[in-house]
Amino acid sequence: MELQHMGRDFTAYEALSKAGIDCVFDNLMDGTAYVTSYSGWKWNDVVHDIGIRLCDLHHQSMVTHCRTVRDILDAAENGRVTLVLCLESATPIENELDRIDVLHGIGVRSMGICYSESNMLGGGMGEA
């Protein structure tokens, strides 16, 4: 948990590269960006988490950041793994829909509408 408060989650990149897979959908530790809050899912924490993750990826020779299907095909051809950045819930965008464009711009390619807790876009499973 201490590394998470610094915005640094551990990822076993070398182990991923030896797993015999071409692509991983990385949901960024399931929304555990706890840099400024124990609740997680805060906009600044999520953007910080993505920035740190991308910085780490740029220093890896065996794992790359996936932005397109071509990236997956290239990774498979070159014996590498590509990570598709995802968010399990749209909670961090709050009611600022332009944040979806920001997330896409920094490489997020999948985002759920909501998960356990309700947000501006939908009801969560914890509300039942």
Protein backbone atom coordinates (compact mmCIF):
# COMPACT_ATOMS: atom_id res chain seq x y z
CA MET A 1 0.00 0.00 0.00
CA GLU A 2 2.87 2.42 0.70
CA LEU A 3 4.00 2.39 -2.94
CA GLN A 4 0.43 3.17 -3.98
CA HIS A 5 0.49 6.36 -1.91
CA MET A 6 3.47 7.41 -4.03
CA GLY A 7 1.64 6.46 -7.22
CA ARG A 8 3.86 3.46 -7.89
CA ASP A 9 2.30 0.03 -8.20
CA PHE A 10 4.51 -2.99 -8.76
CA THR A 11 4.10 -4.77 -12.10
CA ALA A 12 6.07 -7.91 -12.92
CA TYR A 13 6.96 -6.90 -16.48
CA GLU A 14 9.56 -9.62 -16.96
CA ALA A 15 7.14 -12.31 -15.79
CA LEU A 16 4.49 -10.95 -18.16
CA SER A 17 6.94 -11.20 -21.04
CA LYS A 18 7.55 -14.88 -20.27
CA ALA A 19 3.87 -15.79 -19.85
CA GLY A 20 3.27 -16.54 -23.53
CA ILE A 21 0.62 -13.86 -23.98
CA ASP A 22 0.50 -10.97 -26.42
CA CYS A 23 -1.91 -8.55 -24.75
CA VAL A 24 -3.06 -7.66 -21.23
CA PHE A 25 -5.97 -5.42 -20.31
CA ASP A 26 -4.50 -3.51 -17.37
CA ASN A 27 -7.19 -1.92 -15.18
CA LEU A 28 -4.54 -0.03 -13.23
CA MET A 29 -4.78 -2.02 -10.01
CA ASP A 30 -8.55 -1.89 -10.00
CA GLY A 31 -8.74 1.81 -9.22
CA THR A 32 -6.35 1.77 -6.29
CA ALA A 33 -4.73 5.12 -7.08
CA TYR A 34 -4.43 6.23 -3.46
CA VAL A 35 -2.00 9.11 -3.85
CA THR A 36 -4.23 11.70 -2.16
CA SER A 37 -7.19 9.68 -0.87
CA TYR A 38 -7.87 6.33 0.76
CA SER A 39 -11.08 6.18 -1.27
CA GLY A 40 -9.31 5.95 -4.62
CA TRP A 41 -10.74 6.92 -7.99
CA LYS A 42 -9.83 10.62 -7.67
CA TRP A 43 -9.17 12.30 -11.04
CA ASN A 44 -5.69 13.62 -10.22
CA ASP A 45 -4.66 10.29 -8.70
CA VAL A 46 -5.83 8.33 -11.75
CA VAL A 47 -4.03 10.66 -14.18
CA HIS A 48 -0.90 10.47 -12.00
CA ASP A 49 -1.17 6.66 -11.89
CA ILE A 50 -1.44 6.49 -15.69
CA GLY A 51 1.53 8.84 -16.11
CA ILE A 52 3.72 6.74 -13.81
CA ARG A 53 2.59 3.52 -15.53
CA LEU A 54 3.40 4.95 -18.98
CA CYS A 55 6.79 6.15 -17.75
CA ASP A 56 7.52 2.64 -16.47
CA LEU A 57 6.40 1.12 -19.77
CA HIS A 58 8.70 3.37 -21.77
CA HIS A 59 11.63 1.92 -19.84
CA GLN A 60 10.72 -1.70 -20.65
CA SER A 61 12.04 -3.62 -23.62
CA MET A 62 9.60 -6.53 -23.37
CA VAL A 63 6.29 -4.74 -22.67
CA THR A 64 4.69 -1.86 -24.59
CA HIS A 65 1.67 0.43 -24.33
CA CYS A 66 -1.21 -0.51 -26.62
CA ARG A 67 -3.12 2.26 -28.38
CA THR A 68 -4.31 0.36 -31.47
CA VAL A 69 -4.98 -3.17 -32.69
CA ARG A 70 -1.79 -2.82 -34.76
CA ASP A 71 0.16 -2.54 -31.48
CA ILE A 72 -1.20 -5.95 -30.43
CA LEU A 73 -0.25 -7.51 -33.75
CA ASP A 74 3.23 -5.95 -33.62
CA ALA A 75 3.76 -7.21 -30.08
CA ALA A 76 2.79 -10.73 -31.12
CA GLU A 77 5.15 -10.64 -34.11
CA ASN A 78 8.05 -9.38 -31.97
CA GLY A 79 7.58 -11.61 -28.91
CA ARG A 80 6.49 -8.73 -26.69
CA VAL A 81 3.45 -8.06 -24.53
CA THR A 82 1.30 -4.97 -24.96
CA LEU A 83 -0.81 -3.45 -22.17
CA VAL A 84 -4.22 -1.93 -22.90
CA LEU A 85 -4.93 0.68 -20.22
CA CYS A 86 -8.45 0.39 -18.77
CA LEU A 87 -10.55 1.84 -15.99
CA GLU A 88 -13.09 -0.34 -14.25
CA SER A 89 -15.37 2.60 -13.55
CA ALA A 90 -16.02 6.08 -14.93
CA THR A 91 -16.05 7.52 -11.39
CA PRO A 92 -12.92 9.67 -11.94
CA ILE A 93 -14.54 11.69 -14.72
CA GLU A 94 -17.22 12.91 -12.26
CA ASN A 95 -19.54 15.09 -14.37
CA GLU A 96 -16.76 16.36 -16.66
CA LEU A 97 -17.38 14.44 -19.89
CA ASP A 98 -14.35 16.05 -21.57
CA ARG A 99 -12.24 13.94 -19.24
CA ILE A 100 -13.13 10.94 -21.41
CA ASP A 101 -11.22 12.62 -24.25
CA VAL A 102 -8.32 13.34 -21.90
CA LEU A 103 -8.17 9.69 -20.83
CA HIS A 104 -8.24 8.56 -24.45
CA GLY A 105 -5.49 11.04 -25.27
CA ILE A 106 -3.22 9.57 -22.61
CA GLY A 107 -3.91 6.04 -23.76
CA VAL A 108 -6.91 4.61 -21.90
CA ARG A 109 -8.82 2.37 -24.30
CA SER A 110 -11.57 0.86 -22.15
CA MET A 111 -13.67 2.18 -19.27
CA GLY A 112 -16.64 0.70 -17.45
CA ILE A 113 -19.61 2.91 -16.67
CA CYS A 114 -19.68 2.08 -12.95
CA TYR A 115 -18.73 -0.70 -10.56
CA SER A 116 -19.44 -1.00 -6.83
CA GLU A 117 -20.34 2.61 -6.15
CA SER A 118 -22.76 4.71 -8.16
CA ASN A 119 -21.39 7.67 -10.06
CA MET A 120 -22.72 10.38 -12.37
CA LEU A 121 -23.21 7.82 -15.18
CA GLY A 122 -24.89 4.90 -13.43
CA GLY A 123 -25.83 2.88 -10.37
CA GLY A 124 -23.27 0.56 -8.83
CA MET A 125 -23.73 -3.02 -7.68
CA GLY A 126 -23.25 -1.88 -4.07
CA GLU A 127 -26.49 0.09 -4.28
CA ALA A 128 -28.70 -3.00 -4.58
